[in-house]
Amino acid sequence: MSHLQLALKPAQLRLINQIDRHGQLQIAAEALAMTQPAASRMLAEVERQVGAALFTRGPKGMEPTETGLLFLRRARVILREMDSIATDIRDLRQGYAGSIRVGAVTGPAISYLVAAVRQVKQETPEAQISIDVMPSRDLLNHLIAGEMDFVLGRILPEYDSKSFNILPMHDEKVTLIARAGHPLARASVVTLTEMVAYEWVLQQRGSPIREATLAAFAGVGLAEPRNIINSPSMLLTIAYLSQSDAIAAVSNEVAQLLIRPPISASFTVLKTAQHMRVPPYYLLSLVRHPLSPLAQRLREELAHMSRSPDLDLMPR
């Protein structure tokens, strides 16, 4: 049994499809911006390869043969796939498709990244965007390894800043929170002296928020609290605060997310006279690793939001 080998071109498949659609070779040729003789030669070449006529000519025009109907079913599948490939490539080039992985420290993840991703996803629902929230050191390690497209984090001394494209963003305000029924919740201002004896939930030693908190205690001549739970987990922090009189130091974005609608959790901000802030964070990508169109779109959205400091990005 011989094997039929076809070497067909997309233009040939489109011609066969147009002939079936219009029933006239001349109209099909015009639809494809071809001359009728060229279309006739192309049809003859396809039929030669197939080894059978694809159309019969009758009073109502050209009608597909049984072989022609089989050919058309397959050709249309191929043409749809080719159109889909072209669309996917165009979308990828224009930033409307693809996959990216980005990371951020907690504050900008809540205040900027969520809003920027939502904006991009509204325009590009099929884009695959993965988000990791972790300390700056971990973010930079992933970025240097090529495992993330860009990050929102801090530049640490052990990293060469010349390796990064750097876009300044903002600093973070440290906020102290506790459950709404905490003994200090009703005070208009709470001193660090009043809080030092309570149980605390803090991030690991060396993290910017923890260091800013401990520096505030040192600034008023107090040693750091002695009763501390160490955890980087925001979920564990929330659970622990809800079941105890512990106090936690978090970014202001986290505090506002918890206490404002729509979450409106039973937590309160403990107001202090000290203003605790951590060093600014940056939008960082690798100089040696150009961003994909999708990553560039998300980065541009973040850059736009960073230029609008009065823009309220927190949910209500």
Protein backbone atom coordinates (compact mmCIF):
# COMPACT_ATOMS: atom_id res chain seq x y z
CA MET A 1 0.00 0.00 0.00
CA SER A 2 1.53 3.32 -1.11
CA HIS A 3 1.74 6.25 1.28
CA LEU A 4 0.37 9.59 0.11
CA GLN A 5 2.92 12.34 0.73
CA LEU A 6 1.53 15.88 0.58
CA ALA A 7 3.65 19.03 0.56
CA LEU A 8 0.95 21.64 0.81
CA LYS A 9 1.35 25.33 1.55
CA PRO A 10 -0.98 27.55 3.62
CA ALA A 11 -1.87 29.55 0.47
CA GLN A 12 -3.10 26.35 -1.18
CA LEU A 13 -5.27 25.44 1.79
CA ARG A 14 -6.74 28.95 1.83
CA LEU A 15 -7.54 28.75 -1.88
CA ILE A 16 -9.42 25.45 -1.49
CA ASN A 17 -11.35 26.93 1.43
CA GLN A 18 -12.27 30.07 -0.55
CA ILE A 19 -13.39 28.03 -3.58
CA ASP A 20 -15.79 26.08 -1.35
CA ARG A 21 -16.96 29.29 0.28
CA HIS A 22 -17.72 31.18 -2.96
CA GLY A 23 -18.29 28.36 -5.44
CA GLN A 24 -16.37 30.29 -8.11
CA LEU A 25 -12.66 30.11 -8.85
CA GLN A 26 -12.49 33.73 -9.98
CA ILE A 27 -14.13 35.07 -6.80
CA ALA A 28 -11.89 32.85 -4.65
CA ALA A 29 -8.84 34.19 -6.48
CA GLU A 30 -9.97 37.80 -5.97
CA ALA A 31 -10.52 37.15 -2.25
CA LEU A 32 -6.87 36.07 -2.01
CA ALA A 33 -5.56 38.84 -4.30
CA MET A 34 -4.57 36.31 -6.99
CA THR A 35 -5.16 36.15 -10.71
CA GLN A 36 -7.54 33.47 -11.95
CA PRO A 37 -4.83 31.67 -13.97
CA ALA A 38 -2.58 31.53 -10.91
CA ALA A 39 -5.45 30.15 -8.83
CA SER A 40 -6.24 27.58 -11.51
CA ARG A 41 -2.62 26.39 -11.57
CA MET A 42 -2.57 26.19 -7.76
CA LEU A 43 -5.78 24.13 -7.68
CA ALA A 44 -4.38 21.80 -10.32
CA GLU A 45 -1.19 21.32 -8.30
CA VAL A 46 -3.15 20.43 -5.15
CA GLU A 47 -5.32 17.95 -7.04
CA ARG A 48 -2.19 16.45 -8.59
CA GLN A 49 -0.70 15.86 -5.14
CA VAL A 50 -3.95 14.47 -3.76
CA GLY A 51 -4.45 12.30 -6.84
CA ALA A 52 -8.14 13.14 -7.20
CA ALA A 53 -10.41 16.03 -8.15
CA LEU A 54 -11.50 18.19 -5.24
CA PHE A 55 -14.35 20.00 -7.03
CA THR A 56 -16.83 19.36 -9.80
CA ARG A 57 -18.12 22.19 -11.98
CA GLY A 58 -21.90 22.43 -12.28
CA PRO A 59 -24.65 24.95 -13.03
CA LYS A 60 -24.45 26.32 -9.50
CA GLY A 61 -20.69 26.64 -9.53
CA MET A 62 -17.95 24.47 -8.09
CA GLU A 63 -19.05 21.78 -5.64
CA PRO A 64 -16.65 19.71 -3.50
CA THR A 65 -16.29 16.03 -4.29
CA GLU A 66 -16.22 13.40 -1.56
CA THR A 67 -12.44 13.73 -1.52
CA GLY A 68 -12.84 17.49 -1.52
CA LEU A 69 -15.10 17.37 1.55
CA LEU A 70 -12.55 15.26 3.42
CA PHE A 71 -9.78 17.62 2.34
CA LEU A 72 -11.76 20.67 3.45
CA ARG A 73 -12.47 19.27 6.94
CA ARG A 74 -8.76 18.76 7.53
CA ALA A 75 -7.70 21.98 5.84
CA ARG A 76 -10.00 24.09 8.01
CA VAL A 77 -8.58 22.55 11.18
CA ILE A 78 -5.07 23.37 9.97
CA LEU A 79 -6.03 26.94 9.00
CA ARG A 80 -7.68 27.54 12.38
CA GLU A 81 -4.55 26.30 14.14
CA MET A 82 -2.34 28.49 11.98
CA ASP A 83 -4.50 31.53 12.71
CA SER A 84 -4.36 30.63 16.40
CA ILE A 85 -0.56 30.38 16.27
CA ALA A 86 -0.34 33.80 14.63
CA THR A 87 -2.66 35.28 17.24
CA ASP A 88 -0.73 33.71 20.11
CA ILE A 89 2.59 34.99 18.77
CA ARG A 90 1.17 38.47 18.28
CA ASP A 91 -0.29 38.48 21.78
CA LEU A 92 3.02 37.26 23.20
CA ARG A 93 4.95 40.02 21.42
CA GLN A 94 2.49 42.66 22.58
CA GLY A 95 2.44 41.46 26.18
CA TYR A 96 -1.03 39.93 26.10
CA ALA A 97 0.12 36.36 26.72
CA GLY A 98 2.91 34.36 28.27
CA SER A 99 4.00 33.53 31.79
CA ILE A 100 6.07 35.43 34.34
CA ARG A 101 7.15 35.02 37.95
CA VAL A 102 7.63 38.06 40.17
CA GLY A 103 8.24 38.59 43.88
CA ALA A 104 7.91 41.27 46.53
CA VAL A 105 8.31 42.04 50.18
CA THR A 106 4.98 42.25 51.99
CA GLY A 107 4.27 45.99 51.90
CA PRO A 108 4.55 46.63 48.15
CA ALA A 109 2.98 43.25 47.41
CA ILE A 110 -0.19 44.54 49.05
CA SER A 111 -0.03 48.21 48.13
CA TYR A 112 1.17 47.99 44.52
CA LEU A 113 1.62 44.51 43.12
CA VAL A 114 -1.95 43.29 43.71
CA ALA A 115 -3.43 46.34 41.98
CA ALA A 116 -0.97 46.17 39.07
CA VAL A 117 -1.58 42.46 38.49
CA ARG A 118 -5.34 43.00 38.60
CA GLN A 119 -5.03 45.71 35.96
CA VAL A 120 -2.94 43.53 33.66
CA LYS A 121 -5.21 40.51 34.18
CA GLN A 122 -8.29 42.53 33.25
CA GLU A 123 -6.70 43.17 29.86
CA THR A 124 -4.90 39.81 29.63
CA PRO A 125 -6.91 37.16 31.49
CA GLU A 126 -4.92 34.25 30.04
CA ALA A 127 -1.53 35.58 31.17
CA GLN A 128 0.12 33.28 33.71
CA ILE A 129 1.47 35.41 36.58
CA SER A 130 3.09 33.77 39.61
CA ILE A 131 3.74 35.87 42.73
CA ASP A 132 6.00 35.09 45.69
CA VAL A 133 6.12 37.15 48.90
CA MET A 134 9.37 36.73 50.83
CA PRO A 135 12.26 38.68 52.39
CA SER A 136 14.55 40.73 50.14
CA ARG A 137 17.49 38.33 50.45
CA ASP A 138 15.40 35.44 49.15
CA LEU A 139 13.96 37.61 46.38
CA LEU A 140 17.41 38.70 45.22
CA ASN A 141 18.68 35.12 45.25
CA HIS A 142 15.81 34.06 42.99
CA LEU A 143 16.33 37.08 40.74
CA ILE A 144 20.08 36.49 40.36
CA ALA A 145 19.38 32.82 39.57
CA GLY A 146 17.04 33.88 36.77
CA GLU A 147 14.03 32.37 38.52
CA MET A 148 12.09 35.64 38.71
CA ASP A 149 11.51 38.33 36.10
CA PHE A 150 11.64 41.20 38.57
CA VAL A 151 11.17 41.84 42.28
CA LEU A 152 10.05 44.58 44.64
CA GLY A 153 12.63 44.52 47.40
CA ARG A 154 15.69 46.12 48.95
CA ILE A 155 19.24 46.08 47.66
CA LEU A 156 21.41 44.38 50.26
CA PRO A 157 25.12 45.22 50.76
CA GLU A 158 26.39 41.87 49.54
CA TYR A 159 24.82 42.37 46.09
CA ASP A 160 26.35 44.47 43.30
CA SER A 161 23.79 47.15 42.43
CA LYS A 162 25.30 47.40 38.91
CA SER A 163 23.67 44.05 38.17
CA PHE A 164 20.19 45.56 38.44
CA ASN A 165 17.90 47.91 36.61
CA ILE A 166 16.69 49.99 39.55
CA LEU A 167 13.44 51.92 39.85
CA PRO A 168 12.99 53.65 43.24
CA MET A 169 9.61 53.02 44.83
CA HIS A 170 8.81 53.98 48.46
CA ASP A 171 9.73 53.24 52.04
CA GLU A 172 7.53 51.34 54.47
CA LYS A 173 5.95 52.51 57.68
CA VAL A 174 5.97 50.03 60.56
CA THR A 175 2.64 49.68 62.37
CA LEU A 176 1.97 47.86 65.65
CA ILE A 177 -1.24 45.83 65.75
CA ALA A 178 -3.11 43.70 68.29
CA ARG A 179 -6.54 42.16 68.66
CA ALA A 180 -9.40 44.63 69.05
CA GLY A 181 -9.96 43.55 72.68
CA HIS A 182 -6.34 44.08 73.70
CA PRO A 183 -5.89 45.83 77.09
CA LEU A 184 -4.09 48.74 75.35
CA ALA A 185 -6.56 49.04 72.46
CA ARG A 186 -8.50 52.04 73.84
CA ALA A 187 -5.51 54.20 74.66
CA SER A 188 -5.09 57.24 72.41
CA VAL A 189 -1.30 56.86 72.56
CA VAL A 190 0.62 53.83 73.83
CA THR A 191 4.22 54.08 74.99
CA LEU A 192 6.83 51.48 74.22
CA THR A 193 7.36 51.17 77.96
CA GLU A 194 3.76 49.96 78.30
CA MET A 195 4.19 47.46 75.49
CA VAL A 196 7.61 45.98 76.26
CA ALA A 197 6.27 43.48 78.80
CA TYR A 198 3.70 41.99 76.41
CA GLU A 199 4.22 38.99 74.19
CA TRP A 200 5.36 39.87 70.66
CA VAL A 201 5.24 38.21 67.25
CA LEU A 202 8.11 39.43 65.08
CA GLN A 203 9.79 38.46 61.84
CA GLN A 204 13.19 36.82 61.94
CA ARG A 205 16.13 38.78 63.31
CA GLY A 206 17.68 40.95 60.63
CA SER A 207 14.42 41.66 58.81
CA PRO A 208 13.87 45.42 58.26
CA ILE A 209 10.57 45.61 60.16
CA ARG A 210 11.98 43.80 63.19
CA GLU A 211 15.14 45.89 63.22
CA ALA A 212 13.15 49.13 62.97
CA THR A 213 10.96 48.00 65.88
CA LEU A 214 13.91 47.07 68.10
CA ALA A 215 15.66 50.32 67.17
CA ALA A 216 12.60 52.21 68.43
CA PHE A 217 12.90 50.46 71.81
CA ALA A 218 16.60 51.24 71.95
CA GLY A 219 15.86 54.84 71.04
CA VAL A 220 13.95 55.34 74.28
CA GLY A 221 16.47 53.40 76.37
CA LEU A 222 14.62 50.08 76.49
CA ALA A 223 15.93 46.60 75.81
CA GLU A 224 14.00 44.55 73.29
CA PRO A 225 10.97 42.60 74.54
CA ARG A 226 11.93 39.31 76.16
CA ASN A 227 8.82 37.36 75.17
CA ILE A 228 9.01 37.01 71.38
CA ILE A 229 7.58 34.52 68.91
CA ASN A 230 9.73 34.47 65.76
CA SER A 231 7.84 33.86 62.54
CA PRO A 232 7.87 35.22 58.99
CA SER A 233 4.34 33.88 58.43
CA MET A 234 1.64 36.52 58.25
CA LEU A 235 -1.04 33.86 58.57
CA LEU A 236 0.48 32.53 61.81
CA THR A 237 0.86 36.09 63.11
CA ILE A 238 -2.83 36.79 62.53
CA ALA A 239 -3.85 33.53 64.20
CA TYR A 240 -1.62 34.17 67.22
CA LEU A 241 -2.79 37.75 67.72
CA SER A 242 -6.43 36.71 67.53
CA GLN A 243 -5.96 34.25 70.44
CA SER A 244 -3.69 36.27 72.73
CA ASP A 245 -2.64 39.71 73.93
CA ALA A 246 0.46 39.59 71.75
CA ILE A 247 1.56 42.58 69.68
CA ALA A 248 2.96 42.38 66.16
CA ALA A 249 4.99 44.79 64.05
CA VAL A 250 3.84 44.77 60.43
CA SER A 251 3.94 47.06 57.43
CA ASN A 252 1.23 49.70 57.44
CA GLU A 253 -0.20 48.15 54.25
CA VAL A 254 -0.80 44.88 56.09
CA ALA A 255 -2.42 46.67 59.03
CA GLN A 256 -4.77 48.64 56.79
CA LEU A 257 -5.68 45.56 54.79
CA LEU A 258 -6.73 43.78 57.97
CA ILE A 259 -8.73 46.51 59.68
CA ARG A 260 -10.38 48.20 56.69
CA PRO A 261 -13.26 46.86 54.60
CA PRO A 262 -13.85 44.44 53.06
CA ILE A 263 -11.86 42.30 55.53
CA SER A 264 -12.61 44.40 58.65
CA ALA A 265 -10.90 41.92 60.97
CA SER A 266 -11.04 42.43 64.73
CA PHE A 267 -7.61 44.03 65.03
CA THR A 268 -6.54 47.50 66.08
CA VAL A 269 -3.55 49.75 65.51
CA LEU A 270 -1.67 50.67 68.67
CA LYS A 271 -0.72 54.31 68.22
CA THR A 272 2.73 55.32 69.42
CA ALA A 273 4.69 58.57 69.49
CA GLN A 274 7.55 56.92 67.58
CA HIS A 275 7.56 56.93 63.77
CA MET A 276 9.11 53.67 62.65
CA ARG A 277 10.13 53.30 59.02
CA VAL A 278 12.29 50.86 57.14
CA PRO A 279 14.65 51.62 54.21
CA PRO A 280 13.01 52.14 50.81
CA TYR A 281 12.40 49.30 48.43
CA TYR A 282 12.99 49.24 44.68
CA LEU A 283 11.67 47.58 41.56
CA LEU A 284 14.63 45.45 40.47
CA SER A 285 15.31 43.45 37.32
CA LEU A 286 18.54 42.03 35.91
CA VAL A 287 20.53 44.12 33.43
CA ARG A 288 21.58 40.93 31.62
CA HIS A 289 18.04 39.56 31.38
CA PRO A 290 15.69 41.65 29.15
CA LEU A 291 12.08 41.50 30.25
CA SER A 292 9.46 39.72 28.17
CA PRO A 293 6.62 41.89 26.80
CA LEU A 294 4.27 40.64 29.53
CA ALA A 295 6.80 41.35 32.30
CA GLN A 296 7.46 44.77 30.76
CA ARG A 297 3.72 45.55 30.78
CA LEU A 298 3.45 44.68 34.48
CA ARG A 299 6.60 46.66 35.30
CA GLU A 300 5.22 49.71 33.48
CA GLU A 301 1.96 49.43 35.43
CA LEU A 302 3.92 49.36 38.71
CA ALA A 303 6.04 52.32 37.60
CA HIS A 304 2.88 54.29 36.82
CA MET A 305 1.45 53.54 40.24
CA SER A 306 4.70 54.52 41.97
CA ARG A 307 4.49 57.94 40.33
CA SER A 308 1.04 58.47 41.89
CA PRO A 309 1.79 58.62 45.63
CA ASP A 310 -1.73 59.84 46.46
CA LEU A 311 -3.35 56.92 44.66
CA ASP A 312 -5.23 54.78 47.18
CA LEU A 313 -4.63 51.18 46.13
CA MET A 314 -6.00 49.52 49.25
CA PRO A 315 -9.35 47.70 48.92
CA ARG A 316 -12.38 49.15 50.63
